Amino acid sequence: MALLIALINIVGWVLIPLTVKGSPAHQIAGMGLGAFITAFITAFIIYLCTRPAFDAATWGVAFIAGMLWTNGTIHLLYAHRC
């Protein structure tokens, strides 16, 4: 099951350059939206199957990791643009 979940993300990353056109801001928005949708669907399926316990620390770490990923993506896209 974990392998199938990982393959969903791989397919998403392969499709990003083919589907997202435009400025770096559009690319970041598209990657963020795609990651959010994939994570939401995956988390919902996992929650239905296993009923894991979520606490404030889990949400906090996930939120900070998302912020850092977005920040790194912004800097990476603008570094290649110059």
PDB file of N, CA and C in Angstrom:
ATOM      1  N   MET A   1       0.816  -1.191   0.000  1.00  0.00           N
ATOM      2  CA  MET A   1       0.000   0.000   0.000  1.00  0.00           C
ATOM      3  C   MET A   1       0.863   1.260   0.000  1.00  0.00           C
ATOM      4  N   ALA A   2       1.941   1.260   0.781  1.00  0.00           N
ATOM      5  CA  ALA A   2       2.822   2.425   0.828  1.00  0.00           C
ATOM      6  C   ALA A   2       3.453   2.693  -0.535  1.00  0.00           C
ATOM      7  N   LEU A   3       3.772   1.643  -1.264  1.00  0.00           N
ATOM      8  CA  LEU A   3       4.350   1.819  -2.593  1.00  0.00           C
ATOM      9  C   LEU A   3       3.351   2.477  -3.539  1.00  0.00           C
ATOM     10  N   LEU A   4       2.102   2.097  -3.465  1.00  0.00           N
ATOM     11  CA  LEU A   4       1.084   2.711  -4.314  1.00  0.00           C
ATOM     12  C   LEU A   4       0.893   4.187  -3.985  1.00  0.00           C
ATOM     13  N   ILE A   5       0.939   4.521  -2.721  1.00  0.00           N
ATOM     14  CA  ILE A   5       0.823   5.922  -2.313  1.00  0.00           C
ATOM     15  C   ILE A   5       2.020   6.712  -2.833  1.00  0.00           C
ATOM     16  N   ALA A   6       3.210   6.151  -2.764  1.00  0.00           N
ATOM     17  CA  ALA A   6       4.403   6.820  -3.285  1.00  0.00           C
ATOM     18  C   ALA A   6       4.315   7.007  -4.794  1.00  0.00           C
ATOM     19  N   LEU A   7       3.747   6.057  -5.493  1.00  0.00           N
ATOM     20  CA  LEU A   7       3.630   6.171  -6.945  1.00  0.00           C
ATOM     21  C   LEU A   7       2.679   7.291  -7.353  1.00  0.00           C
ATOM     22  N   ILE A   8       1.672   7.564  -6.551  1.00  0.00           N
ATOM     23  CA  ILE A   8       0.764   8.681  -6.840  1.00  0.00           C
ATOM     24  C   ILE A   8       1.556   9.982  -6.879  1.00  0.00           C
ATOM     25  N   ASN A   9       2.424  10.188  -5.913  1.00  0.00           N
ATOM     26  CA  ASN A   9       3.232  11.404  -5.873  1.00  0.00           C
ATOM     27  C   ASN A   9       4.211  11.472  -7.036  1.00  0.00           C
ATOM     28  N   ILE A  10       4.793  10.351  -7.407  1.00  0.00           N
ATOM     29  CA  ILE A  10       5.734  10.330  -8.524  1.00  0.00           C
ATOM     30  C   ILE A  10       5.031  10.742  -9.809  1.00  0.00           C
ATOM     31  N   VAL A  11       3.863  10.227 -10.044  1.00  0.00           N
ATOM     32  CA  VAL A  11       3.096  10.592 -11.242  1.00  0.00           C
ATOM     33  C   VAL A  11       2.789  12.088 -11.225  1.00  0.00           C
ATOM     34  N   GLY A  12       2.446  12.621 -10.069  1.00  0.00           N
ATOM     35  CA  GLY A  12       2.173  14.049  -9.962  1.00  0.00           C
ATOM     36  C   GLY A  12       3.382  14.899 -10.294  1.00  0.00           C
ATOM     37  N   TRP A  13       4.562  14.506  -9.802  1.00  0.00           N
ATOM     38  CA  TRP A  13       5.778  15.277 -10.082  1.00  0.00           C
ATOM     39  C   TRP A  13       6.163  15.191 -11.554  1.00  0.00           C
ATOM     40  N   VAL A  14       5.872  14.079 -12.202  1.00  0.00           N
ATOM     41  CA  VAL A  14       6.176  13.948 -13.624  1.00  0.00           C
ATOM     42  C   VAL A  14       5.253  14.843 -14.450  1.00  0.00           C
ATOM     43  N   LEU A  15       4.015  14.978 -14.035  1.00  0.00           N
ATOM     44  CA  LEU A  15       3.046  15.754 -14.802  1.00  0.00           C
ATOM     45  C   LEU A  15       3.172  17.260 -14.607  1.00  0.00           C
ATOM     46  N   ILE A  16       3.849  17.700 -13.560  1.00  0.00           N
ATOM     47  CA  ILE A  16       3.936  19.139 -13.291  1.00  0.00           C
ATOM     48  C   ILE A  16       4.540  19.919 -14.460  1.00  0.00           C
ATOM     49  N   PRO A  17       5.708  19.542 -14.989  1.00  0.00           N
ATOM     50  CA  PRO A  17       6.248  20.342 -16.099  1.00  0.00           C
ATOM     51  C   PRO A  17       5.385  20.290 -17.353  1.00  0.00           C
ATOM     52  N   LEU A  18       4.615  19.241 -17.521  1.00  0.00           N
ATOM     53  CA  LEU A  18       3.774  19.122 -18.707  1.00  0.00           C
ATOM     54  C   LEU A  18       2.490  19.927 -18.600  1.00  0.00           C
ATOM     55  N   THR A  19       2.019  20.169 -17.400  1.00  0.00           N
ATOM     56  CA  THR A  19       0.715  20.805 -17.232  1.00  0.00           C
ATOM     57  C   THR A  19       0.794  22.244 -16.755  1.00  0.00           C
ATOM     58  N   VAL A  20       1.851  22.630 -16.054  1.00  0.00           N
ATOM     59  CA  VAL A  20       1.933  23.974 -15.487  1.00  0.00           C
ATOM     60  C   VAL A  20       2.799  24.839 -16.395  1.00  0.00           C
ATOM     61  N   LYS A  21       2.180  25.829 -16.995  1.00  0.00           N
ATOM     62  CA  LYS A  21       2.897  26.766 -17.856  1.00  0.00           C
ATOM     63  C   LYS A  21       2.823  28.149 -17.222  1.00  0.00           C
ATOM     64  N   GLY A  22       3.702  29.007 -17.634  1.00  0.00           N
ATOM     65  CA  GLY A  22       3.625  30.386 -17.169  1.00  0.00           C
ATOM     66  C   GLY A  22       4.793  30.765 -16.294  1.00  0.00           C
ATOM     67  N   SER A  23       4.563  31.770 -15.498  1.00  0.00           N
ATOM     68  CA  SER A  23       5.605  32.356 -14.655  1.00  0.00           C
ATOM     69  C   SER A  23       5.943  31.426 -13.484  1.00  0.00           C
ATOM     70  N   PRO A  24       7.060  31.710 -12.815  1.00  0.00           N
ATOM     71  CA  PRO A  24       7.384  30.922 -11.619  1.00  0.00           C
ATOM     72  C   PRO A  24       6.296  30.972 -10.554  1.00  0.00           C
ATOM     73  N   ALA A  25       5.604  32.104 -10.451  1.00  0.00           N
ATOM     74  CA  ALA A  25       4.515  32.195  -9.466  1.00  0.00           C
ATOM     75  C   ALA A  25       3.407  31.204  -9.808  1.00  0.00           C
ATOM     76  N   HIS A  26       3.085  31.055 -11.097  1.00  0.00           N
ATOM     77  CA  HIS A  26       2.069  30.086 -11.507  1.00  0.00           C
ATOM     78  C   HIS A  26       2.542  28.659 -11.252  1.00  0.00           C
ATOM     79  N   GLN A  27       3.818  28.410 -11.483  1.00  0.00           N
ATOM     80  CA  GLN A  27       4.356  27.070 -11.250  1.00  0.00           C
ATOM     81  C   GLN A  27       4.307  26.722  -9.770  1.00  0.00           C
ATOM     82  N   ILE A  28       4.665  27.671  -8.916  1.00  0.00           N
ATOM     83  CA  ILE A  28       4.622  27.425  -7.472  1.00  0.00           C
ATOM     84  C   ILE A  28       3.186  27.180  -7.015  1.00  0.00           C
ATOM     85  N   ALA A  29       2.264  27.997  -7.524  1.00  0.00           N
ATOM     86  CA  ALA A  29       0.860  27.810  -7.154  1.00  0.00           C
ATOM     87  C   ALA A  29       0.356  26.449  -7.616  1.00  0.00           C
ATOM     88  N   GLY A  30       0.724  26.047  -8.827  1.00  0.00           N
ATOM     89  CA  GLY A  30       0.297  24.746  -9.331  1.00  0.00           C
ATOM     90  C   GLY A  30       0.887  23.594  -8.543  1.00  0.00           C
ATOM     91  N   MET A  31       2.181  23.694  -8.206  1.00  0.00           N
ATOM     92  CA  MET A  31       2.805  22.633  -7.410  1.00  0.00           C
ATOM     93  C   MET A  31       2.212  22.575  -6.018  1.00  0.00           C
ATOM     94  N   GLY A  32       1.965  23.724  -5.428  1.00  0.00           N
ATOM     95  CA  GLY A  32       1.369  23.752  -4.094  1.00  0.00           C
ATOM     96  C   GLY A  32      -0.035  23.182  -4.075  1.00  0.00           C
ATOM     97  N   LEU A  33      -0.827  23.563  -5.065  1.00  0.00           N
ATOM     98  CA  LEU A  33      -2.194  23.041  -5.143  1.00  0.00           C
ATOM     99  C   LEU A  33      -2.199  21.535  -5.405  1.00  0.00           C
ATOM    100  N   GLY A  34      -1.339  21.085  -6.305  1.00  0.00           N
ATOM    101  CA  GLY A  34      -1.248  19.645  -6.586  1.00  0.00           C
ATOM    102  C   GLY A  34      -0.791  18.852  -5.375  1.00  0.00           C
ATOM    103  N   ALA A  35       0.205  19.390  -4.656  1.00  0.00           N
ATOM    104  CA  ALA A  35       0.679  18.712  -3.449  1.00  0.00           C
ATOM    105  C   ALA A  35      -0.406  18.677  -2.381  1.00  0.00           C
ATOM    106  N   PHE A  36      -1.151  19.772  -2.251  1.00  0.00           N
ATOM    107  CA  PHE A  36      -2.227  19.822  -1.263  1.00  0.00           C
ATOM    108  C   PHE A  36      -3.316  18.802  -1.579  1.00  0.00           C
ATOM    109  N   ILE A  37      -3.733  18.746  -2.836  1.00  0.00           N
ATOM    110  CA  ILE A  37      -4.791  17.815  -3.219  1.00  0.00           C
ATOM    111  C   ILE A  37      -4.345  16.374  -3.006  1.00  0.00           C
ATOM    112  N   THR A  38      -3.117  16.059  -3.443  1.00  0.00           N
ATOM    113  CA  THR A  38      -2.597  14.703  -3.270  1.00  0.00           C
ATOM    114  C   THR A  38      -2.485  14.348  -1.788  1.00  0.00           C
ATOM    115  N   ALA A  39      -1.944  15.264  -0.989  1.00  0.00           N
ATOM    116  CA  ALA A  39      -1.791  14.999   0.444  1.00  0.00           C
ATOM    117  C   ALA A  39      -3.146  14.848   1.125  1.00  0.00           C
ATOM    118  N   PHE A  40      -4.106  15.674   0.731  1.00  0.00           N
ATOM    119  CA  PHE A  40      -5.435  15.602   1.342  1.00  0.00           C
ATOM    120  C   PHE A  40      -6.109  14.270   1.037  1.00  0.00           C
ATOM    121  N   ILE A  41      -6.056  13.840  -0.214  1.00  0.00           N
ATOM    122  CA  ILE A  41      -6.674  12.566  -0.595  1.00  0.00           C
ATOM    123  C   ILE A  41      -5.962  11.405   0.094  1.00  0.00           C
ATOM    124  N   THR A  42      -4.626  11.437   0.088  1.00  0.00           N
ATOM    125  CA  THR A  42      -3.850  10.365   0.720  1.00  0.00           C
ATOM    126  C   THR A  42      -4.131  10.306   2.222  1.00  0.00           C
ATOM    127  N   ALA A  43      -4.131  11.464   2.876  1.00  0.00           N
ATOM    128  CA  ALA A  43      -4.394  11.491   4.317  1.00  0.00           C
ATOM    129  C   ALA A  43      -5.805  11.009   4.636  1.00  0.00           C
ATOM    130  N   PHE A  44      -6.767  11.359   3.799  1.00  0.00           N
ATOM    131  CA  PHE A  44      -8.141  10.915   4.016  1.00  0.00           C
ATOM    132  C   PHE A  44      -8.252   9.400   3.910  1.00  0.00           C
ATOM    133  N   ILE A  45      -7.595   8.817   2.908  1.00  0.00           N
ATOM    134  CA  ILE A  45      -7.616   7.355   2.742  1.00  0.00           C
ATOM    135  C   ILE A  45      -6.941   6.679   3.921  1.00  0.00           C
ATOM    136  N   ILE A  46      -5.790   7.198   4.335  1.00  0.00           N
ATOM    137  CA  ILE A  46      -5.080   6.609   5.478  1.00  0.00           C
ATOM    138  C   ILE A  46      -5.921   6.732   6.742  1.00  0.00           C
ATOM    139  N   TYR A  47      -6.569   7.893   6.921  1.00  0.00           N
ATOM    140  CA  TYR A  47      -7.408   8.082   8.108  1.00  0.00           C
ATOM    141  C   TYR A  47      -8.567   7.101   8.139  1.00  0.00           C
ATOM    142  N   LEU A  48      -9.176   6.871   6.994  1.00  0.00           N
ATOM    143  CA  LEU A  48     -10.292   5.926   6.954  1.00  0.00           C
ATOM    144  C   LEU A  48      -9.847   4.502   7.267  1.00  0.00           C
ATOM    145  N   CYS A  49      -8.634   4.142   6.858  1.00  0.00           N
ATOM    146  CA  CYS A  49      -8.161   2.764   7.049  1.00  0.00           C
ATOM    147  C   CYS A  49      -7.571   2.517   8.429  1.00  0.00           C
ATOM    148  N   THR A  50      -6.840   3.487   8.986  1.00  0.00           N
ATOM    149  CA  THR A  50      -6.089   3.210  10.212  1.00  0.00           C
ATOM    150  C   THR A  50      -6.490   4.038  11.418  1.00  0.00           C
ATOM    151  N   ARG A  51      -7.202   5.138  11.233  1.00  0.00           N
ATOM    152  CA  ARG A  51      -7.587   6.042  12.324  1.00  0.00           C
ATOM    153  C   ARG A  51      -6.390   6.455  13.188  1.00  0.00           C
ATOM    154  N   PRO A  52      -5.368   7.110  12.583  1.00  0.00           N
ATOM    155  CA  PRO A  52      -4.210   7.534  13.375  1.00  0.00           C
ATOM    156  C   PRO A  52      -4.572   8.700  14.299  1.00  0.00           C
ATOM    157  N   ALA A  53      -3.753   8.893  15.316  1.00  0.00           N
ATOM    158  CA  ALA A  53      -3.970   9.988  16.253  1.00  0.00           C
ATOM    159  C   ALA A  53      -3.176  11.208  15.795  1.00  0.00           C
ATOM    160  N   PHE A  54      -3.847  12.349  15.665  1.00  0.00           N
ATOM    161  CA  PHE A  54      -3.192  13.596  15.304  1.00  0.00           C
ATOM    162  C   PHE A  54      -3.230  14.520  16.507  1.00  0.00           C
ATOM    163  N   ASP A  55      -2.096  15.143  16.799  1.00  0.00           N
ATOM    164  CA  ASP A  55      -2.059  16.117  17.874  1.00  0.00           C
ATOM    165  C   ASP A  55      -1.499  17.432  17.332  1.00  0.00           C
ATOM    166  N   ALA A  56      -1.413  18.427  18.185  1.00  0.00           N
ATOM    167  CA  ALA A  56      -0.954  19.755  17.751  1.00  0.00           C
ATOM    168  C   ALA A  56       0.487  19.722  17.256  1.00  0.00           C
ATOM    169  N   ALA A  57       1.332  18.903  17.856  1.00  0.00           N
ATOM    170  CA  ALA A  57       2.728  18.828  17.423  1.00  0.00           C
ATOM    171  C   ALA A  57       2.833  18.276  16.001  1.00  0.00           C
ATOM    172  N   THR A  58       2.030  17.291  15.675  1.00  0.00           N
ATOM    173  CA  THR A  58       2.039  16.725  14.322  1.00  0.00           C
ATOM    174  C   THR A  58       1.631  17.775  13.306  1.00  0.00           C
ATOM    175  N   TRP A  59       0.560  18.504  13.583  1.00  0.00           N
ATOM    176  CA  TRP A  59       0.111  19.554  12.671  1.00  0.00           C
ATOM    177  C   TRP A  59       1.147  20.663  12.561  1.00  0.00           C
ATOM    178  N   GLY A  60       1.777  21.021  13.676  1.00  0.00           N
ATOM    179  CA  GLY A  60       2.785  22.082  13.670  1.00  0.00           C
ATOM    180  C   GLY A  60       3.993  21.723  12.827  1.00  0.00           C
ATOM    181  N   VAL A  61       4.498  20.511  12.999  1.00  0.00           N
ATOM    182  CA  VAL A  61       5.656  20.064  12.216  1.00  0.00           C
ATOM    183  C   VAL A  61       5.305  20.003  10.731  1.00  0.00           C
ATOM    184  N   ALA A  62       4.133  19.509  10.406  1.00  0.00           N
ATOM    185  CA  ALA A  62       3.711  19.435   9.005  1.00  0.00           C
ATOM    186  C   ALA A  62       3.573  20.830   8.401  1.00  0.00           C
ATOM    187  N   PHE A  63       3.036  21.774   9.163  1.00  0.00           N
ATOM    188  CA  PHE A  63       2.871  23.139   8.666  1.00  0.00           C
ATOM    189  C   PHE A  63       4.222  23.804   8.431  1.00  0.00           C
ATOM    190  N   ILE A  64       5.141  23.660   9.367  1.00  0.00           N
ATOM    191  CA  ILE A  64       6.472  24.246   9.213  1.00  0.00           C
ATOM    192  C   ILE A  64       7.214  23.605   8.044  1.00  0.00           C
ATOM    193  N   ALA A  65       7.098  22.296   7.889  1.00  0.00           N
ATOM    194  CA  ALA A  65       7.743  21.624   6.759  1.00  0.00           C
ATOM    195  C   ALA A  65       7.186  22.132   5.436  1.00  0.00           C
ATOM    196  N   GLY A  66       5.888  22.349   5.364  1.00  0.00           N
ATOM    197  CA  GLY A  66       5.284  22.902   4.151  1.00  0.00           C
ATOM    198  C   GLY A  66       5.760  24.308   3.857  1.00  0.00           C
ATOM    199  N   MET A  67       5.889  25.124   4.895  1.00  0.00           N
ATOM    200  CA  MET A  67       6.398  26.483   4.706  1.00  0.00           C
ATOM    201  C   MET A  67       7.829  26.473   4.196  1.00  0.00           C
ATOM    202  N   LEU A  68       8.667  25.607   4.762  1.00  0.00           N
ATOM    203  CA  LEU A  68      10.056  25.523   4.320  1.00  0.00           C
ATOM    204  C   LEU A  68      10.155  25.001   2.889  1.00  0.00           C
ATOM    205  N   TRP A  69       9.323  24.037   2.541  1.00  0.00           N
ATOM    206  CA  TRP A  69       9.329  23.501   1.174  1.00  0.00           C
ATOM    207  C   TRP A  69       8.932  24.595   0.178  1.00  0.00           C
ATOM    208  N   THR A  70       7.904  25.360   0.511  1.00  0.00           N
ATOM    209  CA  THR A  70       7.463  26.440  -0.371  1.00  0.00           C
ATOM    210  C   THR A  70       8.543  27.501  -0.507  1.00  0.00           C
ATOM    211  N   ASN A  71       9.165  27.871   0.583  1.00  0.00           N
ATOM    212  CA  ASN A  71      10.237  28.857   0.560  1.00  0.00           C
ATOM    213  C   ASN A  71      11.403  28.369  -0.301  1.00  0.00           C
ATOM    214  N   GLY A  72      11.794  27.119  -0.149  1.00  0.00           N
ATOM    215  CA  GLY A  72      12.869  26.558  -0.964  1.00  0.00           C
ATOM    216  C   GLY A  72      12.515  26.508  -2.437  1.00  0.00           C
ATOM    217  N   THR A  73      11.274  26.191  -2.746  1.00  0.00           N
ATOM    218  CA  THR A  73      10.829  26.146  -4.138  1.00  0.00           C
ATOM    219  C   THR A  73      10.857  27.531  -4.764  1.00  0.00           C
ATOM    220  N   ILE A  74      10.419  28.535  -4.024  1.00  0.00           N
ATOM    221  CA  ILE A  74      10.438  29.902  -4.534  1.00  0.00           C
ATOM    222  C   ILE A  74      11.875  30.317  -4.854  1.00  0.00           C
ATOM    223  N   HIS A  75      12.787  30.063  -3.926  1.00  0.00           N
ATOM    224  CA  HIS A  75      14.180  30.458  -4.150  1.00  0.00           C
ATOM    225  C   HIS A  75      14.806  29.672  -5.296  1.00  0.00           C
ATOM    226  N   LEU A  76      14.472  28.421  -5.430  1.00  0.00           N
ATOM    227  CA  LEU A  76      15.015  27.602  -6.510  1.00  0.00           C
ATOM    228  C   LEU A  76      14.539  28.098  -7.865  1.00  0.00           C
ATOM    229  N   LEU A  77      13.253  28.386  -7.986  1.00  0.00           N
ATOM    230  CA  LEU A  77      12.717  28.849  -9.266  1.00  0.00           C
ATOM    231  C   LEU A  77      13.273  30.208  -9.653  1.00  0.00           C
ATOM    232  N   TYR A  78      13.403  31.134  -8.695  1.00  0.00           N
ATOM    233  CA  TYR A  78      13.930  32.449  -9.012  1.00  0.00           C
ATOM    234  C   TYR A  78      15.439  32.421  -9.230  1.00  0.00           C
ATOM    235  N   ALA A  79      16.153  31.474  -8.614  1.00  0.00           N
ATOM    236  CA  ALA A  79      17.596  31.362  -8.853  1.00  0.00           C
ATOM    237  C   ALA A  79      17.883  30.920 -10.278  1.00  0.00           C
ATOM    238  N   HIS A  80      17.060  30.036 -10.825  1.00  0.00           N
ATOM    239  CA  HIS A  80      17.258  29.575 -12.200  1.00  0.00           C
ATOM    240  C   HIS A  80      16.759  30.581 -13.221  1.00  0.00           C
ATOM    241  N   ARG A  81      15.947  31.504 -12.777  1.00  0.00           N
ATOM    242  CA  ARG A  81      15.402  32.506 -13.697  1.00  0.00           C
ATOM    243  C   ARG A  81      16.424  33.564 -14.038  1.00  0.00           C
ATOM    244  N   CYS A  82      17.309  33.893 -13.108  1.00  0.00           N
ATOM    245  CA  CYS A  82      18.303  34.958 -13.321  1.00  0.00           C
ATOM    246  C   CYS A  82      19.463  34.496 -14.179  1.00  0.00           C
TER     247      CYS A  82
END
